[in-house]
Structure formats: C-alpha cells, structure tokens
Protein backbone atom coordinates (compact mmCIF):
# COMPACT_ATOMS: atom_id res chain seq x y z
CA MET A 1 42.55 -98.08 70.65
CA ALA A 2 44.40 -99.35 67.69
CA SER A 3 44.56 -97.84 64.50
CA ALA A 4 42.97 -99.64 61.09
CA ALA A 5 46.55 -100.12 59.99
CA GLU A 6 47.42 -101.86 63.42
CA GLN A 7 44.22 -104.12 63.19
CA LEU A 8 45.09 -105.23 59.80
CA ALA A 9 49.03 -105.92 60.57
CA ALA A 10 47.39 -108.20 63.51
CA ASN A 11 45.41 -110.21 61.47
CA MET A 12 48.43 -110.35 58.62
CA ASN A 13 50.20 -113.86 58.38
CA PHE A 14 52.13 -116.08 56.28
CA GLY A 15 49.62 -118.77 56.16
CA ALA A 16 46.87 -116.57 54.89
CA PHE A 17 49.12 -114.94 52.60
CA GLN A 18 49.64 -118.25 50.85
CA LYS A 19 45.91 -119.14 50.46
CA ALA A 20 45.52 -115.57 49.07
CA THR A 21 45.29 -116.77 45.23
CA GLU A 22 43.78 -113.57 44.06
CA LEU A 23 46.55 -111.17 45.99
CA HIS A 24 49.13 -113.57 44.34
CA LYS A 25 47.67 -112.37 40.82
CA ARG A 26 47.39 -108.94 41.49
CA ILE A 27 50.89 -108.68 43.08
CA TRP A 28 52.35 -110.39 39.90
CA PHE A 29 50.39 -108.35 37.68
CA THR A 30 51.96 -105.40 39.25
CA LEU A 31 55.52 -106.56 39.18
CA ILE A 32 55.35 -107.47 35.35
CA ALA A 33 53.68 -104.24 35.06
CA LEU A 34 56.56 -101.99 36.62
CA VAL A 35 59.22 -104.46 34.69
CA VAL A 36 57.79 -103.45 31.37
CA TYR A 37 57.56 -99.80 32.51
CA ARG A 38 61.46 -100.19 33.75
CA LEU A 39 62.23 -101.91 29.93
CA GLY A 40 60.80 -98.97 28.34
CA THR A 41 63.09 -96.58 30.03
CA TYR A 42 65.99 -98.14 28.13
CA ILE A 43 64.56 -97.67 24.59
CA PRO A 44 65.77 -94.59 23.01
CA ILE A 45 63.80 -92.61 20.54
CA PRO A 46 64.98 -92.82 17.04
CA GLY A 47 67.17 -90.46 15.40
CA ILE A 48 69.56 -89.16 18.50
CA ASP A 49 73.02 -89.42 18.63
CA PRO A 50 73.55 -91.01 22.45
CA ALA A 51 76.83 -89.65 22.98
CA ALA A 52 76.17 -86.25 22.22
CA PHE A 53 73.26 -86.10 24.25
CA ALA A 54 74.88 -87.86 26.80
CA GLN A 55 77.33 -85.06 26.97
CA ALA A 56 74.61 -82.15 26.47
CA PHE A 57 72.38 -83.93 29.52
CA GLN A 58 75.73 -83.47 32.14
CA GLY A 59 75.50 -79.91 31.87
CA GLN A 60 71.72 -79.94 33.37
CA ALA A 61 72.39 -82.92 35.35
CA GLN A 62 72.48 -81.35 38.58
CA GLY A 63 69.35 -79.00 38.02
CA ILE A 64 65.57 -79.35 37.14
CA LEU A 65 66.41 -81.71 34.55
CA GLY A 66 68.39 -83.95 36.78
CA MET A 67 65.45 -83.99 39.27
CA PHE A 68 63.10 -84.97 36.18
CA ASN A 69 65.43 -87.80 35.41
CA MET A 70 65.07 -88.77 38.81
CA PHE A 71 61.22 -89.40 38.42
CA SER A 72 61.44 -90.88 35.41
CA GLY A 73 63.96 -93.45 36.62
CA GLY A 74 66.85 -92.26 34.12
CA ALA A 75 64.73 -92.20 31.20
CA VAL A 76 65.59 -88.23 30.37
CA GLN A 77 69.38 -89.35 30.77
CA ARG A 78 68.82 -91.94 27.77
CA MET A 79 66.03 -89.73 26.03
CA ALA A 80 64.00 -92.90 26.48
CA ILE A 81 60.31 -93.26 24.73
CA PHE A 82 59.20 -92.81 28.62
CA SER A 83 60.92 -89.82 29.12
CA LEU A 84 57.82 -87.59 29.85
CA ASN A 85 56.58 -90.26 32.32
CA VAL A 86 53.32 -89.81 33.78
CA MET A 87 54.00 -85.86 34.26
CA PRO A 88 51.42 -84.75 31.57
CA TYR A 89 48.80 -86.99 33.32
CA ILE A 90 49.73 -85.57 36.47
CA SER A 91 49.60 -81.94 34.85
CA ALA A 92 46.14 -82.61 33.65
CA SER A 93 44.76 -84.22 36.83
CA ILE A 94 45.75 -80.82 38.37
CA ILE A 95 43.89 -78.85 35.88
CA VAL A 96 40.64 -80.99 36.33
CA GLN A 97 40.72 -80.86 39.81
CA LEU A 98 41.24 -77.06 40.04
CA LEU A 99 38.42 -76.30 37.24
CA GLY A 100 36.33 -78.99 39.28
CA THR A 101 36.39 -76.29 41.93
CA VAL A 102 35.61 -73.13 39.86
CA TYR A 103 33.95 -74.02 36.83
CA PRO A 104 30.41 -74.74 37.89
CA PRO A 105 29.56 -77.48 35.06
CA TRP A 106 32.36 -79.73 36.32
CA GLU A 107 31.53 -78.60 40.03
CA LYS A 108 28.48 -80.13 39.44
CA LEU A 109 29.67 -83.25 37.90
CA ARG A 110 32.15 -83.71 40.92
CA LYS A 111 29.87 -83.29 43.56
CA GLU A 112 26.43 -84.74 41.96
CA GLY A 113 27.58 -86.55 39.06
CA GLY A 114 28.55 -89.67 41.44
CA GLU A 115 30.15 -92.23 39.63
CA ALA A 116 29.21 -91.19 36.04
CA GLY A 117 30.23 -87.90 36.91
CA ARG A 118 33.61 -89.30 37.86
CA LYS A 119 34.04 -91.11 34.78
CA THR A 120 33.31 -88.09 32.72
CA LEU A 121 36.02 -85.99 34.64
CA ASN A 122 38.61 -88.98 34.25
CA GLN A 123 37.79 -88.70 30.23
CA TYR A 124 38.41 -84.89 30.24
CA THR A 125 41.77 -85.62 32.02
CA ARG A 126 42.92 -88.18 29.61
CA TYR A 127 41.93 -86.04 26.42
CA LEU A 128 43.96 -83.07 28.27
CA THR A 129 46.87 -85.37 28.60
CA VAL A 130 46.88 -86.03 25.35
CA MET A 131 47.16 -82.20 24.47
CA LEU A 132 50.28 -81.44 27.23
CA ALA A 133 51.89 -84.55 25.76
CA LEU A 134 51.74 -83.39 22.20
CA VAL A 135 52.80 -79.88 23.13
CA GLN A 136 55.61 -80.73 25.72
CA SER A 137 56.91 -83.38 22.98
CA ALA A 138 56.73 -80.89 20.05
CA ALA A 139 58.79 -78.71 22.42
CA ILE A 140 61.35 -81.32 23.34
CA ALA A 141 61.68 -82.35 19.63
CA MET A 142 62.43 -78.69 18.68
CA GLY A 143 64.89 -78.05 21.41
CA LEU A 144 66.82 -81.22 20.49
CA GLN A 145 66.65 -80.34 16.50
CA ASN A 146 68.11 -76.81 17.47
CA SER A 147 70.93 -78.12 19.22
CA PRO A 148 74.05 -78.77 17.49
CA GLY A 149 74.93 -82.46 17.07
CA LEU A 150 72.41 -84.08 18.86
CA VAL A 151 70.20 -85.24 16.27
CA LEU A 152 71.65 -87.38 13.35
CA ASN A 153 69.22 -86.44 10.50
CA PRO A 154 67.31 -83.42 11.17
CA GLY A 155 64.22 -82.70 9.64
CA ILE A 156 59.93 -83.13 9.49
CA PHE A 157 60.42 -86.96 9.93
CA PHE A 158 62.54 -86.39 13.25
CA LEU A 159 60.16 -84.12 14.55
CA ALA A 160 57.05 -86.21 13.98
CA SER A 161 58.54 -89.39 14.87
CA THR A 162 59.74 -87.63 18.12
CA ILE A 163 56.05 -86.24 19.21
CA VAL A 164 54.65 -89.69 18.26
CA THR A 165 57.10 -91.73 20.16
CA LEU A 166 56.94 -89.45 23.30
CA THR A 167 53.30 -88.82 23.30
CA GLY A 168 52.48 -92.70 22.88
CA GLY A 169 54.89 -93.30 25.86
CA THR A 170 52.89 -90.94 28.20
CA LEU A 171 49.66 -92.53 27.09
CA PHE A 172 50.87 -96.17 27.39
CA LEU A 173 52.19 -95.18 31.02
CA MET A 174 48.75 -93.61 31.71
CA TRP A 175 47.06 -96.76 30.69
CA LEU A 176 49.39 -99.18 32.60
CA GLY A 177 49.06 -96.88 35.66
CA GLU A 178 45.09 -97.27 35.48
CA GLN A 179 45.43 -101.06 34.98
CA ILE A 180 47.94 -101.53 38.26
CA THR A 181 45.16 -99.61 40.06
CA SER A 182 42.24 -101.72 38.89
CA ARG A 183 43.86 -105.02 38.32
CA GLY A 184 47.07 -105.02 40.54
CA VAL A 185 48.07 -103.47 44.13
CA GLY A 186 48.36 -99.78 45.30
CA ASN A 187 47.85 -96.81 43.21
CA GLY A 188 49.46 -97.31 39.59
CA VAL A 189 50.68 -93.67 39.19
CA SER A 190 52.14 -93.64 42.31
CA LEU A 191 53.83 -96.71 41.80
CA ILE A 192 55.31 -95.71 38.44
CA ILE A 193 56.92 -92.95 40.25
CA PHE A 194 58.14 -94.93 43.29
CA ALA A 195 59.42 -97.41 40.57
CA GLY A 196 61.56 -94.58 38.89
CA ILE A 197 62.94 -93.24 42.19
CA VAL A 198 63.98 -96.60 43.46
CA ALA A 199 65.75 -97.68 40.40
CA VAL A 200 68.10 -94.51 40.28
CA LEU A 201 68.92 -94.98 44.28
CA PRO A 202 71.49 -96.90 43.95
CA GLN A 203 73.21 -94.81 41.36
CA GLY A 204 72.85 -91.86 44.01
CA ILE A 205 74.30 -94.07 46.66
CA TRP A 206 77.23 -94.95 44.74
CA GLN A 207 78.04 -91.47 43.47
CA MET A 208 78.03 -90.07 47.18
CA PHE A 209 80.40 -92.87 48.07
CA THR A 210 82.51 -91.92 44.94
CA MET A 211 82.55 -88.54 45.80
CA THR A 212 83.46 -89.32 49.44
CA ARG A 213 86.71 -91.49 48.14
CA THR A 214 87.66 -88.58 45.59
CA GLY A 215 87.62 -85.80 48.39
CA SER A 216 85.11 -83.56 46.79
CA LEU A 217 82.49 -84.63 49.47
CA SER A 218 83.89 -84.86 53.33
CA ALA A 219 82.92 -88.08 55.30
CA PHE A 220 81.50 -86.09 57.71
CA ALA A 221 79.10 -84.69 55.06
CA MET A 222 78.24 -88.28 53.77
CA PHE A 223 77.35 -89.59 57.39
CA ALA A 224 75.17 -86.58 58.07
CA ILE A 225 73.49 -86.93 54.90
CA ILE A 226 72.84 -90.42 55.56
CA ALA A 227 71.69 -89.76 59.25
CA LEU A 228 69.38 -87.33 57.89
CA ALA A 229 67.75 -89.44 55.47
CA ILE A 230 67.03 -92.18 58.14
CA ALA A 231 65.63 -89.06 60.36
CA VAL A 232 63.56 -88.25 57.39
CA VAL A 233 62.09 -91.78 57.11
CA PHE A 234 61.42 -92.07 60.75
CA ALA A 235 59.65 -88.58 60.89
CA ILE A 236 57.57 -89.65 57.72
CA VAL A 237 56.28 -92.86 59.21
CA PHE A 238 55.56 -91.13 62.55
CA MET A 239 53.44 -88.14 60.71
CA GLU A 240 51.63 -90.59 58.23
CA ARG A 241 50.00 -92.63 60.77
CA SER A 242 49.51 -89.83 62.94
CA GLN A 243 45.78 -89.00 63.28
CA ARG A 244 43.27 -86.52 65.26
CA ARG A 245 40.41 -88.93 66.31
CA LEU A 246 37.18 -87.17 67.06
CA LEU A 247 34.48 -88.95 69.23
CA VAL A 248 31.46 -89.65 67.59
CA GLN A 249 28.27 -90.65 69.74
CA TYR A 250 25.13 -92.47 68.31
CA PRO A 251 22.03 -91.63 70.62
CA LYS A 252 20.01 -94.69 71.91
CA ARG A 253 16.85 -95.64 70.30
CA GLN A 254 13.93 -97.92 71.46
CA GLN A 255 12.40 -100.52 68.67
CA GLY A 256 9.40 -102.17 70.59
CA ASN A 257 11.12 -103.90 73.52
CA ARG A 258 14.66 -103.32 72.52
CA MET A 259 16.97 -101.01 72.66
CA PHE A 260 19.33 -99.87 69.95
CA GLY A 261 22.31 -97.46 69.71
CA GLY A 262 23.97 -95.78 72.64
CA ASP A 263 27.37 -96.53 70.82
CA THR A 264 30.57 -94.38 70.40
CA SER A 265 33.14 -94.37 67.62
CA PHE A 266 36.08 -92.19 66.21
CA LEU A 267 36.48 -90.05 62.99
CA PRO A 268 39.84 -90.28 62.33
CA LEU A 269 41.20 -87.37 60.69
CA LYS A 270 44.81 -87.73 59.57
CA ILE A 271 47.47 -84.99 60.04
CA ASN A 272 48.68 -85.06 56.23
CA THR A 273 45.44 -86.05 54.50
CA ALA A 274 46.73 -85.21 51.12
CA GLY A 275 49.51 -87.95 51.37
CA VAL A 276 52.36 -87.64 48.87
CA ILE A 277 49.97 -85.73 46.33
CA PRO A 278 51.25 -82.26 47.12
CA PRO A 279 55.39 -82.65 46.20
CA ILE A 280 54.42 -84.79 43.14
CA PHE A 281 52.00 -81.74 42.01
CA ALA A 282 54.53 -79.44 42.67
CA SER A 283 57.35 -81.09 41.14
CA SER A 284 55.34 -81.61 38.03
CA LEU A 285 54.49 -78.09 37.57
CA LEU A 286 58.16 -77.14 38.13
CA LEU A 287 59.69 -79.68 35.85
CA LEU A 288 57.25 -79.68 32.79
CA PRO A 289 57.14 -75.81 31.79
CA THR A 290 61.26 -75.95 32.08
CA THR A 291 62.23 -79.30 30.34
CA ALA A 292 61.98 -77.89 26.90
CA MET A 293 63.90 -74.58 28.30
CA GLY A 294 66.82 -76.76 29.70
CA PHE A 295 67.19 -78.33 26.09
CA LEU A 296 67.12 -74.76 24.74
CA ALA A 297 69.51 -73.61 26.83
CA THR A 298 72.14 -75.48 24.96
CA ALA A 299 70.72 -74.01 21.50
CA GLU A 300 71.46 -70.87 19.93
CA LEU A 301 69.05 -68.45 21.17
CA PRO A 302 68.13 -65.23 19.45
CA ALA A 303 68.53 -62.14 21.31
CA TRP A 304 64.70 -61.85 22.50
CA ALA A 305 65.46 -65.27 24.08
CA GLN A 306 68.56 -64.82 25.89
CA TRP A 307 67.02 -64.68 29.13
CA LEU A 308 65.77 -68.43 29.05
CA PRO A 309 68.97 -70.03 30.27
CA GLY A 310 69.12 -67.15 33.44
CA MET A 311 65.76 -68.51 34.42
CA VAL A 312 66.48 -72.00 33.94
CA GLY A 313 69.43 -71.44 36.29
CA GLN A 314 67.45 -70.04 39.04
CA LEU A 315 65.43 -73.56 39.23
CA GLN A 316 68.41 -75.19 40.22
CA HIS A 317 68.60 -77.03 43.58
CA GLY A 318 69.33 -74.81 46.54
CA ARG A 319 68.61 -71.74 44.72
CA PRO A 320 66.23 -69.38 46.47
CA ALA A 321 63.85 -69.09 43.67
CA PHE A 322 63.18 -72.68 43.52
CA MET A 323 63.14 -73.40 47.17
CA VAL A 324 60.47 -70.59 47.46
CA MET A 325 58.35 -71.71 44.70
CA TYR A 326 58.79 -75.47 45.74
CA ALA A 327 57.74 -74.48 49.15
CA LEU A 328 54.79 -72.22 47.94
CA LEU A 329 53.56 -74.73 45.54
CA ILE A 330 53.38 -77.74 48.19
CA ILE A 331 51.32 -75.57 50.84
CA PHE A 332 49.12 -74.81 48.16
CA PHE A 333 48.38 -78.46 47.25
CA CYS A 334 48.26 -79.63 50.61
CA PHE A 335 44.96 -77.00 51.45
CA PHE A 336 43.60 -77.61 47.86
CA TYR A 337 43.88 -81.61 47.79
CA THR A 338 42.59 -82.05 51.29
CA SER A 339 39.44 -79.88 50.32
CA VAL A 340 39.09 -82.20 47.36
CA VAL A 341 39.12 -85.38 49.32
CA PHE A 342 37.31 -84.33 52.60
CA ASN A 343 34.27 -82.54 52.49
CA PRO A 344 33.34 -81.29 55.90
CA ASP A 345 29.59 -80.40 54.75
CA ASP A 346 29.22 -83.98 53.43
CA THR A 347 30.77 -85.64 56.33
CA ALA A 348 28.39 -83.65 58.91
CA GLU A 349 25.16 -84.69 56.81
CA ASN A 350 26.24 -88.31 56.69
CA LEU A 351 26.76 -88.33 60.43
CA ARG A 352 23.53 -86.42 61.04
CA LYS A 353 21.60 -88.88 58.54
CA TYR A 354 22.94 -91.72 60.73
CA GLY A 355 22.10 -90.13 64.00
CA GLY A 356 25.77 -89.66 65.24
CA PHE A 357 27.34 -86.31 66.57
CA LEU A 358 30.09 -84.91 68.00
CA PRO A 359 29.90 -84.37 71.91
CA GLY A 360 29.24 -80.60 72.79
CA ILE A 361 28.41 -79.52 68.93
CA ARG A 362 24.98 -79.40 67.15
CA PRO A 363 24.76 -81.70 64.29
CA GLY A 364 24.28 -79.92 60.65
CA LYS A 365 26.07 -76.72 59.77
CA ARG A 366 27.62 -76.12 63.25
CA THR A 367 29.58 -79.74 62.77
CA ALA A 368 30.61 -79.17 59.27
CA GLU A 369 32.25 -75.68 60.82
CA TYR A 370 34.13 -77.38 63.47
CA LEU A 371 35.35 -80.26 61.13
CA ASP A 372 36.63 -77.49 58.85
CA TYR A 373 38.13 -75.70 61.97
CA VAL A 374 40.21 -78.99 63.16
CA LEU A 375 41.02 -80.27 59.57
CA THR A 376 42.54 -76.47 58.88
CA ARG A 377 44.76 -76.69 61.75
CA LEU A 378 45.60 -80.23 61.10
CA THR A 379 46.62 -79.37 57.09
CA VAL A 380 48.81 -76.38 58.44
CA ILE A 381 50.76 -78.86 60.48
CA GLY A 382 50.84 -81.28 57.60
CA ALA A 383 51.65 -78.82 55.21
CA ALA A 384 54.53 -77.51 57.52
CA TYR A 385 55.99 -81.11 57.84
CA ILE A 386 55.88 -81.96 54.27
CA THR A 387 57.72 -78.54 53.41
CA ILE A 388 60.36 -79.16 56.05
CA VAL A 389 60.77 -82.93 54.84
CA CYS A 390 60.87 -81.91 50.88
CA LEU A 391 63.14 -78.63 51.58
CA MET A 392 65.73 -79.23 54.59
CA PRO A 393 67.52 -82.16 52.70
CA GLU A 394 67.12 -80.27 49.29
CA ALA A 395 69.28 -77.47 51.17
CA LEU A 396 71.53 -79.33 52.71
CA ILE A 397 72.46 -81.57 49.62
CA ALA A 398 72.82 -78.64 47.67
CA TYR A 399 75.14 -77.05 50.32
CA PHE A 400 77.25 -80.08 50.36
CA LYS A 401 77.16 -80.60 46.40
CA ALA A 402 75.95 -84.30 47.06
CA PRO A 403 73.48 -86.11 44.74
CA PHE A 404 69.77 -85.19 45.24
CA TYR A 405 68.66 -88.56 45.00
CA LEU A 406 68.69 -88.93 48.73
CA GLY A 407 66.24 -85.52 49.06
CA GLY A 408 63.58 -85.36 50.96
CA THR A 409 61.14 -85.67 48.05
CA SER A 410 62.09 -88.91 46.92
CA ILE A 411 62.36 -90.42 50.54
CA LEU A 412 58.96 -89.12 51.02
CA ILE A 413 57.36 -90.52 47.90
CA VAL A 414 59.14 -93.80 48.73
CA VAL A 415 58.21 -94.46 52.28
CA SER A 416 54.55 -93.06 51.63
CA VAL A 417 53.82 -95.28 48.86
CA THR A 418 55.37 -98.30 50.22
CA MET A 419 53.15 -97.93 53.41
CA ASP A 420 49.79 -97.31 51.19
CA THR A 421 50.99 -100.55 49.08
CA VAL A 422 51.54 -102.61 51.97
CA THR A 423 48.13 -101.41 53.87
CA GLN A 424 46.43 -102.50 50.39
CA ILE A 425 48.09 -105.88 50.54
CA GLN A 426 46.96 -106.38 54.30
CA SER A 427 43.20 -105.07 53.28
CA HIS A 428 43.11 -107.68 50.67
CA LEU A 429 44.56 -110.14 52.82
CA LEU A 430 41.76 -109.52 55.60
CA ALA A 431 38.95 -109.52 52.93
CA HIS A 432 40.25 -112.97 52.04
CA GLN A 433 39.75 -114.03 55.56
CA TYR A 434 36.60 -112.80 56.02
CA GLU A 435 35.52 -114.73 52.84
CA GLY A 436 37.13 -117.70 54.38
CA LEU A 437 35.12 -117.57 57.53
CA ILE A 438 31.83 -116.90 55.68
CA LYS A 439 32.30 -119.92 53.59
CA LYS A 440 33.04 -121.83 56.83
CA SER A 441 29.97 -120.82 58.48
CA LYS A 442 27.72 -121.43 55.45
CA LEU A 443 29.42 -125.00 55.53
CA ARG A 444 28.97 -125.72 59.22
CA GLY A 445 25.24 -124.04 58.84
CA GLY A 446 24.41 -126.46 55.73
CA ARG A 447 25.82 -129.65 57.92
CA ALA A 448 23.74 -128.36 60.74
CA ARG A 449 20.64 -128.61 58.76
C-alpha cells in the first residue's frame, strides 16, 4: 500500500504546479522572508570592533560557540543583530511544553482548552521568549564589554543598545517564523534554522578541501567524511519514511435495507514521531547557557569564577561531557515530544467513537495501552537512530579535526526540513487539484441542467 507521501508525489506534475497560483505566492513569500533573514545576519550590532571580535571568535570557533554560529548562519561570527537567532524562542517553547505536562492549569489548557488554550500557551511562549532574550542579550553585552578591546565605547549606552538590538532581532525572527508558517510553505522556525545551516555549508566544504590541500587533513579522512555524510542522508530518508501500520477495522452496520462499514484502514505510527525537534531542543539547551560563558572566557575573571573557562572547554565537540549530555537530551526530548504530539488515550477514544478497533484488542483502555506499548518501542528505535546520526559523525569529525558543518545534526535538520517542506508543497498541489475537480464537476452539473 502506498504511503501518503507516495500518493502525493504521484499526483504532482509540472502542469498542476503552473496553475497553483496560491502556492506560487506562498513560495515567493517564504523565499523573500528567508532573504530578509539572511540580510539581517550581515548587519552587525553597533559599537563592536569587527577585527578584534573576529580574532576573539577564532579561539572559540571549534567549540560550542562555533556550533551556535552554524545554527545562526554565521551571525555570531559577525556579531550581527540576529546573533541570538530563534534559540530563545525554542528554549521558551521547551519550558512551556514541559510545564504543560506538570503544571495543572497549563495542562488543562493544553488538553481541554482547544484552539483558545493553544493560543494562550503560544502567548505565554512569546512572553517567556522576551524574558530569555533580555537575559541572554544582557549577558552577551556584559561579556563583550568586559573583554578588552572588543567594544569601541564601553558604557551604559553600549549595554542598552546591544540588549535592545539582540532582543529585537530574536523577536523579529520569531514573528517572521510565524508568518512563514501561516502565509508561506513549511514550518517557519525550522526553515530559519535550515537556511542558516545551508548558508554555512559551502564554507565548511571549502574549509575541508583547504585542510586537505595543506595536509592538515588526509585525503582518506576527507573521502571518509563525505561517504559518511552521504550514508547519513540515505539513513535519514529511510528512517523518516519508515512507519508501523496498525490495522484498523470498522464493523458492518445496517441502516434500513443497506449495509454500511466493514472497511479496513491503517493507523500509521512513525518510527521518529518527534521529527527534528529533539536535536534542535538539545542543541538550544547546550548552546544558550554557554554563549555568555564563551565570551567571559576571554575576559579577566575573578578568582571565584576561574572554573568557567574549564567548564566551557568541556563542552567542545568530541569531548565526553558534550557527547553524554547531547545524547541524554536527545533521548529525553524524543520521548517527551512524542508524548506531546501523540496521545494514545485520545487516539483510542476517537477510534471507539467512530466504531474502529484493532483486531484482537478491546476498544478503550486496552487499545490505549497497546498503542502506548507499540509507540514506546518505536520511540526507542527512533531515539537510538537520532542519537547515532547526531553523535557518530560528530565524534569522527572531532577525531579528524575537520569542520563540523557536515555533522549529523546539521544533515538531519537539512534533510528532515527539506522532506517536510516538499511534502507540504505536494499537499498544496493536491488540494489545488481537488479544487479544480470540484469546480469542473459543478460546471458540468450546471450545463446538464
């Protein structure tokens, strides 16, 4: 049986794309929004000495700060107005979703509030984003001012302007992502991160070839990294399209002299229900608390804070602390986000309401328990797959001292967001084709009268 994605692809053709004017507008809006985002990554905040900052950044370029720079599309390297990117928004989303499972009023909003409850939680996420962005931009501003030679005119005006600029940049990207989601194609926040990674990929590839030419990276290592990246792409595509399909049967029922029902369908459960969210959430939690520390490591620290540079040093690519924390956070968010997006109790209740049942499983509580049983084991496989994809290339790249732009995390985000966006485009095309068929049938019906 063909999957939904395969059925959509079968209905996609160039003629239908030409006639889908609404889809054209959505794609153009998305492209223009991403161009605006990329322009903002080249506008530096006022009061920074670019040469001095570039020199200071090189000392942290291969660490956690370099990974943050990759997600922001090079904005951190230039200390641009979008340096914080959408990471405060992602962190706020994590906190709100966590509280939505343990804080009773928010849990009630999430489960019973419907559309109004969802909008209320989204508003709380925006408020928390402002608070986190203010705290993080203040930490960055003070770290920059305490670092000798980075700020041209230190003082309260520099602190205020930097805080306002960085916080405003994050809020603008949050708004831009929401506009892309509603008026464009794809998930806006994911596309912003995707655009940042794609923008720095050529730089990483060129850096790898340069290292091979100068002898700091062997030709064997370069080909091994390229082969591994290709293998990771195939593995991601295969796993993201993999499903466990549960057979659902609907009993026959008689209305008058006619029999209805008796059909069968499938309930598809993805191996990776959480998608690309776990590595993004894990990266945001690893990146944001250490951003300010990366700048403070270059400053003259008091005696009580001498441990900060050592802690930042442990969060380097390939270090045991980074690998362990990254893996644990990915596994945690795989299970957590799966529980948020798929509720076995609600699914079992909907099946019972419409008369559907799983063969051999009693409707209601037993069906919910079985769905939870299957989903838990699928999530174990999905969490293991994402952890391996994200960590194995990172470890090999750290061992060969190659750029980490070709790491598993960046490849996973790029491939997954591309697949989701293409699926949405195909969905818009299919909807357009259905609208065209409905209009034709109405015209034929009118002519027949």
